[in-house]
Amino acid sequence: MAKRFVRRSSPIHGNGVFAAQDLAKGVRVIEYKGRLLTHAQANRTYANDTDSGHTFLFTLNEKYLIDGGDGGNDARWINHSCAPNCEAWMVEDEGGDKRRDKVFIETRRAIKAGEELTYDYGIKLEERHTPRLKAIWACRCGAKNCTGTLLKPKR
């Protein structure tokens, strides 16, 4: 089976993931993998990282997060876009074990070979979204409808 994607330098930010072949709408491209952490463990480990504007944490469910920076795969390099061509889907474990839930990145539309894969990170921070914080979490996607920030409105 031909490789679906490649990781390389991105014009959006740092590394990116690009389609290595044409992909149809609804294709499951990759599972987001990494170390499983409880929300409390993540808060202790990354409590002061909101000022970095960089994270590989992905909320899995109400109990757990996936730390793509620790044992993660190429899914961690998929960049944010305000006009994404992919989306993240959480698949619950059939037995109800929250530790076995998974996140997959799937195409929202047909994607041409060479096109960068993106999804909306949907980052929600509790603290006030100051101009400084919005600048730290600036969006560089270049979409016509770009909001300028990766942060989602609180409401």
C-alpha atoms as a PDB file:
ATOM      1  CA  MET A   1       0.000   0.000   0.000  1.00  0.00           C
ATOM      2  CA  ALA A   2       1.383   3.397  -0.992  1.00  0.00           C
ATOM      3  CA  LYS A   3       2.198   5.855   1.761  1.00  0.00           C
ATOM      4  CA  ARG A   4      -0.662   8.315   2.325  1.00  0.00           C
ATOM      5  CA  PHE A   5       1.385  11.178   3.759  1.00  0.00           C
ATOM      6  CA  VAL A   6       4.872  12.564   4.331  1.00  0.00           C
ATOM      7  CA  ARG A   7       6.252  14.868   7.024  1.00  0.00           C
ATOM      8  CA  ARG A   8       8.312  17.862   5.944  1.00  0.00           C
ATOM      9  CA  SER A   9       8.840  21.564   6.564  1.00  0.00           C
ATOM     10  CA  SER A  10       5.609  23.571   6.493  1.00  0.00           C
ATOM     11  CA  PRO A  11       4.864  27.123   5.353  1.00  0.00           C
ATOM     12  CA  ILE A  12       2.261  27.270   8.146  1.00  0.00           C
ATOM     13  CA  HIS A  13       4.528  26.395  11.070  1.00  0.00           C
ATOM     14  CA  GLY A  14       7.590  24.199  11.632  1.00  0.00           C
ATOM     15  CA  ASN A  15       6.915  20.677  10.434  1.00  0.00           C
ATOM     16  CA  GLY A  16       3.772  19.651   8.603  1.00  0.00           C
ATOM     17  CA  VAL A  17       2.117  16.583   7.159  1.00  0.00           C
ATOM     18  CA  PHE A  18       1.382  16.495   3.432  1.00  0.00           C
ATOM     19  CA  ALA A  19      -0.661  14.145   1.280  1.00  0.00           C
ATOM     20  CA  ALA A  20       1.678  11.810  -0.619  1.00  0.00           C
ATOM     21  CA  GLN A  21      -1.180  10.809  -2.918  1.00  0.00           C
ATOM     22  CA  ASP A  22      -4.680  12.047  -3.717  1.00  0.00           C
ATOM     23  CA  LEU A  23      -6.973  11.299  -0.782  1.00  0.00           C
ATOM     24  CA  ALA A  24     -10.747  10.985  -1.029  1.00  0.00           C
ATOM     25  CA  LYS A  25     -13.174  12.543   1.432  1.00  0.00           C
ATOM     26  CA  GLY A  26     -13.654  10.393   4.534  1.00  0.00           C
ATOM     27  CA  VAL A  27     -10.238   8.708   4.504  1.00  0.00           C
ATOM     28  CA  ARG A  28      -8.875   7.851   7.950  1.00  0.00           C
ATOM     29  CA  VAL A  29      -5.294   9.116   7.574  1.00  0.00           C
ATOM     30  CA  ILE A  30      -3.642   8.450  10.936  1.00  0.00           C
ATOM     31  CA  GLU A  31      -4.301   7.795  14.606  1.00  0.00           C
ATOM     32  CA  TYR A  32      -3.058  10.475  17.033  1.00  0.00           C
ATOM     33  CA  LYS A  33      -0.714   8.560  19.352  1.00  0.00           C
ATOM     34  CA  GLY A  34       1.363   9.319  22.410  1.00  0.00           C
ATOM     35  CA  ARG A  35       1.574   8.789  26.140  1.00  0.00           C
ATOM     36  CA  LEU A  36      -1.769   8.678  27.936  1.00  0.00           C
ATOM     37  CA  LEU A  37      -2.075  11.207  30.777  1.00  0.00           C
ATOM     38  CA  THR A  38      -4.875  12.093  33.147  1.00  0.00           C
ATOM     39  CA  HIS A  39      -5.908  15.733  33.103  1.00  0.00           C
ATOM     40  CA  ALA A  40      -4.340  16.117  36.582  1.00  0.00           C
ATOM     41  CA  GLN A  41      -1.018  14.652  35.356  1.00  0.00           C
ATOM     42  CA  ALA A  42      -1.041  16.983  32.345  1.00  0.00           C
ATOM     43  CA  ASN A  43      -1.797  19.980  34.576  1.00  0.00           C
ATOM     44  CA  ARG A  44       1.123  19.132  36.842  1.00  0.00           C
ATOM     45  CA  THR A  45       3.486  18.537  33.929  1.00  0.00           C
ATOM     46  CA  TYR A  46       2.424  21.388  31.642  1.00  0.00           C
ATOM     47  CA  ALA A  47       0.730  23.852  34.009  1.00  0.00           C
ATOM     48  CA  ASN A  48       2.777  26.854  32.924  1.00  0.00           C
ATOM     49  CA  ASP A  49       3.020  26.059  29.213  1.00  0.00           C
ATOM     50  CA  THR A  50       0.143  28.255  27.971  1.00  0.00           C
ATOM     51  CA  ASP A  51       2.765  30.935  27.343  1.00  0.00           C
ATOM     52  CA  SER A  52       4.704  28.719  24.939  1.00  0.00           C
ATOM     53  CA  GLY A  53       2.093  28.641  22.158  1.00  0.00           C
ATOM     54  CA  HIS A  54       3.116  25.062  21.436  1.00  0.00           C
ATOM     55  CA  THR A  55       1.545  21.813  22.545  1.00  0.00           C
ATOM     56  CA  PHE A  56       1.233  18.205  21.488  1.00  0.00           C
ATOM     57  CA  LEU A  57      -1.559  17.540  24.004  1.00  0.00           C
ATOM     58  CA  PHE A  58      -4.805  16.225  22.562  1.00  0.00           C
ATOM     59  CA  THR A  59      -7.885  15.858  24.777  1.00  0.00           C
ATOM     60  CA  LEU A  60      -9.081  12.274  24.437  1.00  0.00           C
ATOM     61  CA  ASN A  61     -12.069  12.360  26.795  1.00  0.00           C
ATOM     62  CA  GLU A  62     -13.110  13.746  30.180  1.00  0.00           C
ATOM     63  CA  LYS A  63     -10.475  11.620  31.961  1.00  0.00           C
ATOM     64  CA  TYR A  64      -7.474  11.476  29.633  1.00  0.00           C
ATOM     65  CA  LEU A  65      -5.248  13.363  27.206  1.00  0.00           C
ATOM     66  CA  ILE A  66      -2.755  12.083  24.678  1.00  0.00           C
ATOM     67  CA  ASP A  67       0.744  13.586  24.908  1.00  0.00           C
ATOM     68  CA  GLY A  68       1.951  13.369  21.296  1.00  0.00           C
ATOM     69  CA  GLY A  69       5.308  14.803  22.383  1.00  0.00           C
ATOM     70  CA  ASP A  70       6.020  11.623  24.370  1.00  0.00           C
ATOM     71  CA  GLY A  71       5.922   8.519  22.200  1.00  0.00           C
ATOM     72  CA  GLY A  72       3.807  10.226  19.557  1.00  0.00           C
ATOM     73  CA  ASN A  73       3.731   9.703  15.819  1.00  0.00           C
ATOM     74  CA  ASP A  74       3.552  11.961  12.746  1.00  0.00           C
ATOM     75  CA  ALA A  75      -0.015  13.020  13.636  1.00  0.00           C
ATOM     76  CA  ARG A  76       1.518  15.503  16.085  1.00  0.00           C
ATOM     77  CA  TRP A  77       2.935  17.454  13.113  1.00  0.00           C
ATOM     78  CA  ILE A  78      -0.444  18.116  11.473  1.00  0.00           C
ATOM     79  CA  ASN A  79      -0.909  21.878  11.672  1.00  0.00           C
ATOM     80  CA  HIS A  80      -3.969  23.919  12.608  1.00  0.00           C
ATOM     81  CA  SER A  81      -6.066  25.741  10.035  1.00  0.00           C
ATOM     82  CA  CYS A  82      -9.160  27.920  10.257  1.00  0.00           C
ATOM     83  CA  ALA A  83     -10.238  26.237   6.972  1.00  0.00           C
ATOM     84  CA  PRO A  84      -9.176  22.654   7.698  1.00  0.00           C
ATOM     85  CA  ASN A  85      -9.222  19.808   5.187  1.00  0.00           C
ATOM     86  CA  CYS A  86      -9.233  17.154   7.935  1.00  0.00           C
ATOM     87  CA  GLU A  87     -10.934  16.670  11.275  1.00  0.00           C
ATOM     88  CA  ALA A  88     -10.242  14.718  14.426  1.00  0.00           C
ATOM     89  CA  TRP A  89     -12.626  11.953  15.476  1.00  0.00           C
ATOM     90  CA  MET A  90     -12.679  10.307  18.874  1.00  0.00           C
ATOM     91  CA  VAL A  91     -13.637   6.639  18.770  1.00  0.00           C
ATOM     92  CA  GLU A  92     -14.838   5.282  22.088  1.00  0.00           C
ATOM     93  CA  ASP A  93     -13.769   1.846  23.249  1.00  0.00           C
ATOM     94  CA  GLU A  94     -16.644  -0.596  22.781  1.00  0.00           C
ATOM     95  CA  GLY A  95     -16.088  -1.946  26.296  1.00  0.00           C
ATOM     96  CA  GLY A  96     -16.291   1.536  27.833  1.00  0.00           C
ATOM     97  CA  ASP A  97     -12.618   1.646  28.895  1.00  0.00           C
ATOM     98  CA  LYS A  98     -11.741   5.354  28.605  1.00  0.00           C
ATOM     99  CA  ARG A  99      -8.027   4.456  28.475  1.00  0.00           C
ATOM    100  CA  ARG A 100      -8.665   2.612  25.192  1.00  0.00           C
ATOM    101  CA  ASP A 101     -10.475   5.452  23.391  1.00  0.00           C
ATOM    102  CA  LYS A 102      -8.644   6.624  20.261  1.00  0.00           C
ATOM    103  CA  VAL A 103      -8.371   9.743  18.107  1.00  0.00           C
ATOM    104  CA  PHE A 104      -8.142   9.518  14.323  1.00  0.00           C
ATOM    105  CA  ILE A 105      -7.497  12.235  11.775  1.00  0.00           C
ATOM    106  CA  GLU A 106      -9.821  11.908   8.786  1.00  0.00           C
ATOM    107  CA  THR A 107     -10.179  13.905   5.563  1.00  0.00           C
ATOM    108  CA  ARG A 108     -13.153  16.313   5.416  1.00  0.00           C
ATOM    109  CA  ARG A 109     -12.915  16.650   1.656  1.00  0.00           C
ATOM    110  CA  ALA A 110     -10.861  15.323  -1.234  1.00  0.00           C
ATOM    111  CA  ILE A 111      -7.196  16.334  -0.893  1.00  0.00           C
ATOM    112  CA  LYS A 112      -4.676  16.514  -3.725  1.00  0.00           C
ATOM    113  CA  ALA A 113      -1.194  15.007  -3.469  1.00  0.00           C
ATOM    114  CA  GLY A 114       1.206  17.611  -2.073  1.00  0.00           C
ATOM    115  CA  GLU A 115      -1.479  19.498  -0.114  1.00  0.00           C
ATOM    116  CA  GLU A 116      -0.794  20.043   3.583  1.00  0.00           C
ATOM    117  CA  LEU A 117      -3.144  18.225   5.959  1.00  0.00           C
ATOM    118  CA  THR A 118      -4.716  20.466   8.600  1.00  0.00           C
ATOM    119  CA  TYR A 119      -7.427  20.386  11.230  1.00  0.00           C
ATOM    120  CA  ASP A 120      -8.925  22.877  13.677  1.00  0.00           C
ATOM    121  CA  TYR A 121      -7.168  22.423  17.023  1.00  0.00           C
ATOM    122  CA  GLY A 122     -10.123  23.895  18.942  1.00  0.00           C
ATOM    123  CA  ILE A 123      -7.894  25.135  21.791  1.00  0.00           C
ATOM    124  CA  LYS A 124      -9.871  26.358  24.782  1.00  0.00           C
ATOM    125  CA  LEU A 125      -8.032  28.140  27.583  1.00  0.00           C
ATOM    126  CA  GLU A 126      -9.689  29.167  30.826  1.00  0.00           C
ATOM    127  CA  GLU A 127      -7.634  32.317  31.348  1.00  0.00           C
ATOM    128  CA  ARG A 128      -8.555  35.661  29.808  1.00  0.00           C
ATOM    129  CA  HIS A 129      -7.659  35.852  26.105  1.00  0.00           C
ATOM    130  CA  THR A 130      -5.434  38.914  26.292  1.00  0.00           C
ATOM    131  CA  PRO A 131      -3.777  40.389  23.186  1.00  0.00           C
ATOM    132  CA  ARG A 132      -0.488  38.922  24.477  1.00  0.00           C
ATOM    133  CA  LEU A 133      -1.991  35.410  24.799  1.00  0.00           C
ATOM    134  CA  LYS A 134      -3.629  35.681  21.360  1.00  0.00           C
ATOM    135  CA  ALA A 135      -0.244  36.665  19.905  1.00  0.00           C
ATOM    136  CA  ILE A 136       1.432  33.668  21.577  1.00  0.00           C
ATOM    137  CA  TRP A 137      -1.272  31.395  20.115  1.00  0.00           C
ATOM    138  CA  ALA A 138      -1.278  33.162  16.728  1.00  0.00           C
ATOM    139  CA  CYS A 139      -2.629  31.318  13.701  1.00  0.00           C
ATOM    140  CA  ARG A 140      -0.516  31.320  10.556  1.00  0.00           C
ATOM    141  CA  CYS A 141      -2.808  29.219   8.356  1.00  0.00           C
ATOM    142  CA  GLY A 142      -3.387  31.938   5.750  1.00  0.00           C
ATOM    143  CA  ALA A 143      -7.039  30.983   5.184  1.00  0.00           C
ATOM    144  CA  LYS A 144      -9.436  33.688   3.969  1.00  0.00           C
ATOM    145  CA  ASN A 145     -11.483  33.206   7.159  1.00  0.00           C
ATOM    146  CA  CYS A 146      -8.446  33.030   9.483  1.00  0.00           C
ATOM    147  CA  THR A 147      -9.311  34.227  12.998  1.00  0.00           C
ATOM    148  CA  GLY A 148      -5.671  35.093  13.723  1.00  0.00           C
ATOM    149  CA  THR A 149      -5.553  32.791  16.763  1.00  0.00           C
ATOM    150  CA  LEU A 150      -5.726  29.108  17.569  1.00  0.00           C
ATOM    151  CA  LEU A 151      -7.837  29.944  20.627  1.00  0.00           C
ATOM    152  CA  LYS A 152     -11.562  29.293  20.524  1.00  0.00           C
ATOM    153  CA  PRO A 153     -13.939  31.885  21.949  1.00  0.00           C
ATOM    154  CA  LYS A 154     -15.017  31.072  25.486  1.00  0.00           C
ATOM    155  CA  ARG A 155     -18.714  31.176  24.563  1.00  0.00           C
END
